Amino acid sequence: MSKPVTLELLKQIGLAFCSRDVDRIMSYFTEDAIFYMASGPEAVGRTIVGKAAIHKVLADRFAVIPDMYWAPEYDLVAGPNNGVSVWRVTGTHADGTRLDAQGCDLFEFRDGLIWKKDTYWKIVRPD
């Protein structure tokens, strides 16, 4: 029997991301997890498959934006295997460029672990 998704689980995942501790974050993912990044060359952004590949992408991201932080806005549970987290991400790129955008993650879980993470960010541009 699958472990159902809870608001507490979504909160703990958010806290793990804010810690920028990649091993802690990866403890919430299945070995065969899929991460659809917010941008990239595909219609889904960029597809990253597997725990090791996701670990590398996150470690590389935190090296470029070492103060990256997700301020939670709200979480939703959508049935036993799905959840949504809405947040505002901030940080400073190594080149000094500021990141400040609202976004969300659409999660699909298997046995209480993230199987798919689909990330969306607002595109912020000066008018």
Protein backbone atom coordinates (compact mmCIF):
# COMPACT_ATOMS: atom_id res chain seq x y z
CA MET A 1 0.00 0.00 0.00
CA SER A 2 1.31 3.46 -0.95
CA LYS A 3 2.04 6.12 1.62
CA PRO A 4 -0.39 8.99 0.94
CA VAL A 5 0.91 12.48 0.23
CA THR A 6 0.42 14.90 3.13
CA LEU A 7 0.85 18.63 3.65
CA GLU A 8 3.56 17.80 6.18
CA LEU A 9 5.50 15.83 3.55
CA LEU A 10 5.29 18.75 1.10
CA LYS A 11 6.50 21.11 3.84
CA GLN A 12 9.47 18.85 4.63
CA ILE A 13 10.43 18.69 0.95
CA GLY A 14 10.34 22.50 0.79
CA LEU A 15 12.56 22.75 3.87
CA ALA A 16 15.00 20.28 2.32
CA PHE A 17 15.28 22.43 -0.82
CA CYS A 18 15.83 25.57 1.28
CA SER A 19 18.66 23.81 3.12
CA ARG A 20 20.45 23.34 -0.22
CA ASP A 21 21.68 20.01 1.18
CA VAL A 22 21.50 17.92 -1.98
CA ASP A 23 21.73 14.58 -0.17
CA ARG A 24 18.83 15.62 2.09
CA ILE A 25 16.80 16.71 -0.92
CA MET A 26 17.51 13.47 -2.78
CA SER A 27 16.23 11.41 0.17
CA TYR A 28 12.74 12.40 -1.03
CA PHE A 29 13.22 11.05 -4.60
CA THR A 30 12.82 7.59 -6.11
CA GLU A 31 15.88 6.10 -7.85
CA ASP A 32 14.15 6.49 -11.24
CA ALA A 33 12.74 9.98 -10.58
CA ILE A 34 12.05 12.44 -13.37
CA PHE A 35 12.61 16.19 -12.99
CA TYR A 36 11.14 18.51 -15.60
CA MET A 37 13.04 21.77 -15.22
CA ALA A 38 11.36 25.14 -15.74
CA SER A 39 13.39 25.96 -18.85
CA GLY A 40 15.31 24.13 -21.49
CA PRO A 41 15.19 22.89 -25.07
CA GLU A 42 12.10 20.67 -24.70
CA ALA A 43 8.41 21.51 -24.43
CA VAL A 44 8.64 20.37 -20.78
CA GLY A 45 11.77 22.47 -20.17
CA ARG A 46 14.60 20.01 -19.72
CA THR A 47 14.08 16.42 -18.61
CA ILE A 48 16.47 15.02 -16.01
CA VAL A 49 16.09 11.29 -15.28
CA GLY A 50 17.44 9.38 -12.31
CA LYS A 51 18.50 10.28 -8.81
CA ALA A 52 22.20 10.69 -9.68
CA ALA A 53 21.48 13.04 -12.59
CA ILE A 54 19.06 15.14 -10.51
CA HIS A 55 21.65 15.30 -7.72
CA LYS A 56 24.24 16.70 -10.14
CA VAL A 57 21.84 19.29 -11.59
CA LEU A 58 20.90 20.53 -8.12
CA ALA A 59 24.52 20.64 -6.91
CA ASP A 60 25.49 22.60 -10.02
CA ARG A 61 22.55 25.00 -9.52
CA PHE A 62 23.48 25.68 -5.88
CA ALA A 63 27.10 26.36 -6.93
CA VAL A 64 25.82 29.10 -9.26
CA ILE A 65 23.13 30.44 -6.88
CA PRO A 66 24.51 29.62 -3.41
CA ASP A 67 21.80 31.54 -1.50
CA MET A 68 18.84 30.13 -3.43
CA TYR A 69 15.75 30.10 -1.20
CA TRP A 70 12.14 29.05 -1.73
CA ALA A 71 9.69 31.01 0.44
CA PRO A 72 6.59 28.83 0.71
CA GLU A 73 3.26 30.33 -0.25
CA TYR A 74 1.03 27.25 0.00
CA ASP A 75 0.86 23.53 -0.63
CA LEU A 76 -1.99 21.39 -1.92
CA VAL A 77 -2.57 17.66 -1.79
CA ALA A 78 -4.35 16.34 -4.87
CA GLY A 79 -5.33 12.78 -4.17
CA PRO A 80 -3.13 10.09 -2.66
CA ASN A 81 -0.19 10.51 -5.07
CA ASN A 82 -0.05 14.15 -6.12
CA GLY A 83 0.87 17.45 -4.55
CA VAL A 84 1.48 21.06 -5.51
CA SER A 85 3.85 23.53 -3.85
CA VAL A 86 3.64 27.24 -4.69
CA TRP A 87 6.60 29.37 -3.66
CA ARG A 88 8.68 32.43 -4.39
CA VAL A 89 12.30 31.70 -5.23
CA THR A 90 15.05 34.22 -4.58
CA GLY A 91 18.80 34.22 -4.79
CA THR A 92 21.84 35.85 -6.31
CA HIS A 93 23.70 34.28 -9.23
CA ALA A 94 27.49 34.15 -9.01
CA ASP A 95 27.59 37.03 -11.54
CA GLY A 96 25.44 39.22 -9.24
CA THR A 97 22.16 38.83 -11.15
CA ARG A 98 19.19 38.61 -8.77
CA LEU A 99 16.63 35.84 -9.01
CA ASP A 100 13.13 36.66 -7.73
CA ALA A 101 10.18 34.79 -9.22
CA GLN A 102 7.03 33.00 -8.21
CA GLY A 103 6.81 29.37 -9.18
CA CYS A 104 5.35 26.01 -8.37
CA ASP A 105 6.16 22.34 -8.39
CA LEU A 106 3.71 19.68 -9.50
CA PHE A 107 4.65 16.43 -7.79
CA GLU A 108 3.74 12.82 -8.49
CA PHE A 109 4.68 10.40 -5.72
CA ARG A 110 5.27 6.68 -5.58
CA ASP A 111 5.45 4.97 -2.19
CA GLY A 112 5.84 8.33 -0.44
CA LEU A 113 8.76 9.50 -2.62
CA ILE A 114 8.88 11.96 -5.51
CA TRP A 115 8.66 10.13 -8.80
CA LYS A 116 8.05 13.22 -10.97
CA LYS A 117 8.81 16.86 -10.20
CA ASP A 118 7.54 19.36 -12.77
CA THR A 119 8.72 22.91 -12.04
CA TYR A 120 7.23 26.14 -13.38
CA TRP A 121 8.53 29.70 -12.85
CA LYS A 122 7.15 33.06 -13.86
CA ILE A 123 9.25 34.70 -16.54
CA VAL A 124 10.34 38.03 -15.08
CA ARG A 125 11.32 40.75 -17.57
CA PRO A 126 11.43 44.52 -17.39
CA ASP A 127 8.58 46.15 -19.31
